[in-house]
Amino acid sequence: MKMQRVMQNNCAVFRTGEILDEGHRLIHDVFAGIAEVRVSDRSMTWNSDLIETLEFDNLIAQAVVTMDSAGRTHREPRRACARGLSGPRRQNWMKHTLAWFDDATGKGRARYRQCTPTR
């Protein structure tokens, strides 16, 4: 629930640098609590507790990578889009994104490759 609130409040389309900075801190706080997550249901049939824990493990990694890359690289294009700037300038920001997450450090990073224009 905390992860969902952080992503909705701090990593939406319309955001500022301050909001991203706060979100970066908050999502890393959520990630730091992952060691406290426990599966209490030990049933061998449909174990929804286990499924939800596995989903959280995947989603928190995606959230950290998203927040880390948004905070470092996407401030200007997002604010520019929010201000209504579009057209040829915006095309410079169309890129392929590759993202990595390091379980040991809890850090995410993204690298970009230019898109090839299609006609």
C-alpha atoms as a PDB file:
ATOM      1  CA  MET A   1       0.000   0.000   0.000  1.00  0.00           C
ATOM      2  CA  LYS A   2       2.850   2.417   0.790  1.00  0.00           C
ATOM      3  CA  MET A   3       4.523   1.642  -2.527  1.00  0.00           C
ATOM      4  CA  GLN A   4       1.297   2.352  -4.399  1.00  0.00           C
ATOM      5  CA  ARG A   5       0.796   5.686  -2.630  1.00  0.00           C
ATOM      6  CA  VAL A   6       4.380   6.797  -3.289  1.00  0.00           C
ATOM      7  CA  MET A   7       4.154   5.967  -6.989  1.00  0.00           C
ATOM      8  CA  GLN A   8       0.755   7.640  -7.408  1.00  0.00           C
ATOM      9  CA  ASN A   9       1.727  10.772  -5.488  1.00  0.00           C
ATOM     10  CA  ASN A  10       5.359  11.199  -6.515  1.00  0.00           C
ATOM     11  CA  CYS A  11       5.839   9.623  -9.941  1.00  0.00           C
ATOM     12  CA  ALA A  12       2.786  10.693 -11.893  1.00  0.00           C
ATOM     13  CA  VAL A  13       2.958  12.333 -15.312  1.00  0.00           C
ATOM     14  CA  PHE A  14       2.661  15.852 -13.875  1.00  0.00           C
ATOM     15  CA  ARG A  15       5.435  16.253 -11.318  1.00  0.00           C
ATOM     16  CA  THR A  16       8.145  18.618 -10.172  1.00  0.00           C
ATOM     17  CA  GLY A  17      11.744  18.050  -9.137  1.00  0.00           C
ATOM     18  CA  GLU A  18      10.806  18.413  -5.468  1.00  0.00           C
ATOM     19  CA  ILE A  19       8.077  15.790  -5.777  1.00  0.00           C
ATOM     20  CA  LEU A  20      10.508  13.391  -7.493  1.00  0.00           C
ATOM     21  CA  ASP A  21      13.130  13.966  -4.798  1.00  0.00           C
ATOM     22  CA  GLU A  22      10.581  13.176  -2.098  1.00  0.00           C
ATOM     23  CA  GLY A  23       9.401  10.109  -4.031  1.00  0.00           C
ATOM     24  CA  HIS A  24      12.970   8.866  -4.429  1.00  0.00           C
ATOM     25  CA  ARG A  25      13.473   9.011  -0.667  1.00  0.00           C
ATOM     26  CA  LEU A  26      10.089   7.443   0.087  1.00  0.00           C
ATOM     27  CA  ILE A  27      10.387   4.533  -2.378  1.00  0.00           C
ATOM     28  CA  HIS A  28      13.815   3.674  -0.976  1.00  0.00           C
ATOM     29  CA  ASP A  29      12.266   3.709   2.516  1.00  0.00           C
ATOM     30  CA  VAL A  30       9.668   1.203   1.288  1.00  0.00           C
ATOM     31  CA  PHE A  31      12.409  -0.937  -0.267  1.00  0.00           C
ATOM     32  CA  ALA A  32      14.393  -0.847   2.983  1.00  0.00           C
ATOM     33  CA  GLY A  33      11.412  -2.488   4.718  1.00  0.00           C
ATOM     34  CA  ILE A  34      11.425  -5.501   2.391  1.00  0.00           C
ATOM     35  CA  ALA A  35      13.358  -7.521   4.977  1.00  0.00           C
ATOM     36  CA  GLU A  36      10.322  -7.251   7.259  1.00  0.00           C
ATOM     37  CA  VAL A  37       7.976  -8.918   4.739  1.00  0.00           C
ATOM     38  CA  ARG A  38       6.883 -12.373   5.833  1.00  0.00           C
ATOM     39  CA  VAL A  39       4.604 -15.035   4.387  1.00  0.00           C
ATOM     40  CA  SER A  40       2.338 -16.235   7.153  1.00  0.00           C
ATOM     41  CA  ASP A  41       0.174 -18.645   5.131  1.00  0.00           C
ATOM     42  CA  ARG A  42       1.976 -21.998   4.810  1.00  0.00           C
ATOM     43  CA  SER A  43      -0.699 -23.850   2.816  1.00  0.00           C
ATOM     44  CA  MET A  44       0.363 -25.840  -0.226  1.00  0.00           C
ATOM     45  CA  THR A  45      -2.799 -25.142  -2.208  1.00  0.00           C
ATOM     46  CA  TRP A  46      -3.575 -21.695  -3.619  1.00  0.00           C
ATOM     47  CA  ASN A  47      -1.416 -19.525  -1.357  1.00  0.00           C
ATOM     48  CA  SER A  48      -2.515 -15.947  -2.019  1.00  0.00           C
ATOM     49  CA  ASP A  49      -0.151 -14.643   0.682  1.00  0.00           C
ATOM     50  CA  LEU A  50       2.823 -16.094  -1.199  1.00  0.00           C
ATOM     51  CA  ILE A  51       1.545 -14.796  -4.567  1.00  0.00           C
ATOM     52  CA  GLU A  52       1.114 -11.272  -3.166  1.00  0.00           C
ATOM     53  CA  THR A  53       4.624 -11.377  -1.691  1.00  0.00           C
ATOM     54  CA  LEU A  54       6.121 -12.450  -5.016  1.00  0.00           C
ATOM     55  CA  GLU A  55       4.167  -9.694  -6.787  1.00  0.00           C
ATOM     56  CA  PHE A  56       5.457  -7.143  -4.274  1.00  0.00           C
ATOM     57  CA  ASP A  57       9.043  -8.318  -4.824  1.00  0.00           C
ATOM     58  CA  ASN A  58       8.658  -7.705  -8.560  1.00  0.00           C
ATOM     59  CA  LEU A  59       6.774  -4.426  -8.230  1.00  0.00           C
ATOM     60  CA  ILE A  60       9.128  -2.824  -5.691  1.00  0.00           C
ATOM     61  CA  ALA A  61      12.065  -3.455  -8.033  1.00  0.00           C
ATOM     62  CA  GLN A  62      10.104  -1.850 -10.904  1.00  0.00           C
ATOM     63  CA  ALA A  63       9.119   1.085  -8.686  1.00  0.00           C
ATOM     64  CA  VAL A  64      12.707   1.748  -7.573  1.00  0.00           C
ATOM     65  CA  VAL A  65      14.019   1.646 -11.155  1.00  0.00           C
ATOM     66  CA  THR A  66      11.199   3.902 -12.336  1.00  0.00           C
ATOM     67  CA  MET A  67      11.691   6.439  -9.554  1.00  0.00           C
ATOM     68  CA  ASP A  68      15.485   6.415  -9.815  1.00  0.00           C
ATOM     69  CA  SER A  69      15.462   6.926 -13.582  1.00  0.00           C
ATOM     70  CA  ALA A  70      12.683   9.536 -13.460  1.00  0.00           C
ATOM     71  CA  GLY A  71      14.512  11.527 -10.827  1.00  0.00           C
ATOM     72  CA  ARG A  72      17.812  11.530 -12.661  1.00  0.00           C
ATOM     73  CA  THR A  73      16.887  11.888 -16.300  1.00  0.00           C
ATOM     74  CA  HIS A  74      13.289  12.812 -16.975  1.00  0.00           C
ATOM     75  CA  ARG A  75      12.752  16.035 -15.090  1.00  0.00           C
ATOM     76  CA  GLU A  76      12.846  18.445 -17.997  1.00  0.00           C
ATOM     77  CA  PRO A  77      10.878  16.457 -20.568  1.00  0.00           C
ATOM     78  CA  ARG A  78       8.073  15.749 -18.118  1.00  0.00           C
ATOM     79  CA  ARG A  79       7.818  19.337 -16.981  1.00  0.00           C
ATOM     80  CA  ALA A  80       8.014  20.488 -20.586  1.00  0.00           C
ATOM     81  CA  CYS A  81       5.163  18.163 -21.546  1.00  0.00           C
ATOM     82  CA  ALA A  82       3.142  19.371 -18.574  1.00  0.00           C
ATOM     83  CA  ARG A  83       3.616  22.953 -19.756  1.00  0.00           C
ATOM     84  CA  GLY A  84       2.222  22.096 -23.164  1.00  0.00           C
ATOM     85  CA  LEU A  85       5.447  22.084 -25.171  1.00  0.00           C
ATOM     86  CA  SER A  86       5.358  19.534 -27.939  1.00  0.00           C
ATOM     87  CA  GLY A  87       6.376  19.042 -31.525  1.00  0.00           C
ATOM     88  CA  PRO A  88       9.925  18.580 -32.845  1.00  0.00           C
ATOM     89  CA  ARG A  89      11.599  19.261 -29.461  1.00  0.00           C
ATOM     90  CA  ARG A  90       9.653  16.429 -27.883  1.00  0.00           C
ATOM     91  CA  GLN A  91      10.901  13.975 -30.484  1.00  0.00           C
ATOM     92  CA  ASN A  92      14.416  14.300 -29.050  1.00  0.00           C
ATOM     93  CA  TRP A  93      13.150  12.505 -25.931  1.00  0.00           C
ATOM     94  CA  MET A  94      11.735   9.471 -27.714  1.00  0.00           C
ATOM     95  CA  LYS A  95      14.166   6.723 -26.735  1.00  0.00           C
ATOM     96  CA  HIS A  96      14.339   3.022 -26.026  1.00  0.00           C
ATOM     97  CA  THR A  97      14.862   2.451 -22.331  1.00  0.00           C
ATOM     98  CA  LEU A  98      16.832  -0.382 -20.733  1.00  0.00           C
ATOM     99  CA  ALA A  99      16.549  -0.661 -16.964  1.00  0.00           C
ATOM    100  CA  TRP A 100      18.516  -2.565 -14.338  1.00  0.00           C
ATOM    101  CA  PHE A 101      17.891  -3.194 -10.660  1.00  0.00           C
ATOM    102  CA  ASP A 102      20.577  -4.262  -8.201  1.00  0.00           C
ATOM    103  CA  ASP A 103      19.033  -6.367  -5.415  1.00  0.00           C
ATOM    104  CA  ALA A 104      22.093  -5.975  -3.199  1.00  0.00           C
ATOM    105  CA  THR A 105      22.129  -2.176  -3.187  1.00  0.00           C
ATOM    106  CA  GLY A 106      18.484  -1.467  -3.956  1.00  0.00           C
ATOM    107  CA  LYS A 107      19.496   0.928  -6.713  1.00  0.00           C
ATOM    108  CA  GLY A 108      17.999   1.213 -10.150  1.00  0.00           C
ATOM    109  CA  ARG A 109      19.544   2.606 -13.297  1.00  0.00           C
ATOM    110  CA  ALA A 110      18.424   3.204 -16.842  1.00  0.00           C
ATOM    111  CA  ARG A 111      20.246   3.633 -20.125  1.00  0.00           C
ATOM    112  CA  TYR A 112      18.796   4.910 -23.358  1.00  0.00           C
ATOM    113  CA  ARG A 113      19.144   4.315 -27.089  1.00  0.00           C
ATOM    114  CA  GLN A 114      17.770   6.613 -29.767  1.00  0.00           C
ATOM    115  CA  CYS A 115      14.673   5.471 -31.618  1.00  0.00           C
ATOM    116  CA  THR A 116      14.873   5.064 -35.349  1.00  0.00           C
ATOM    117  CA  PRO A 117      12.173   7.230 -36.954  1.00  0.00           C
ATOM    118  CA  THR A 118       9.546   5.357 -38.945  1.00  0.00           C
ATOM    119  CA  ARG A 119       7.560   6.775 -41.826  1.00  0.00           C
END
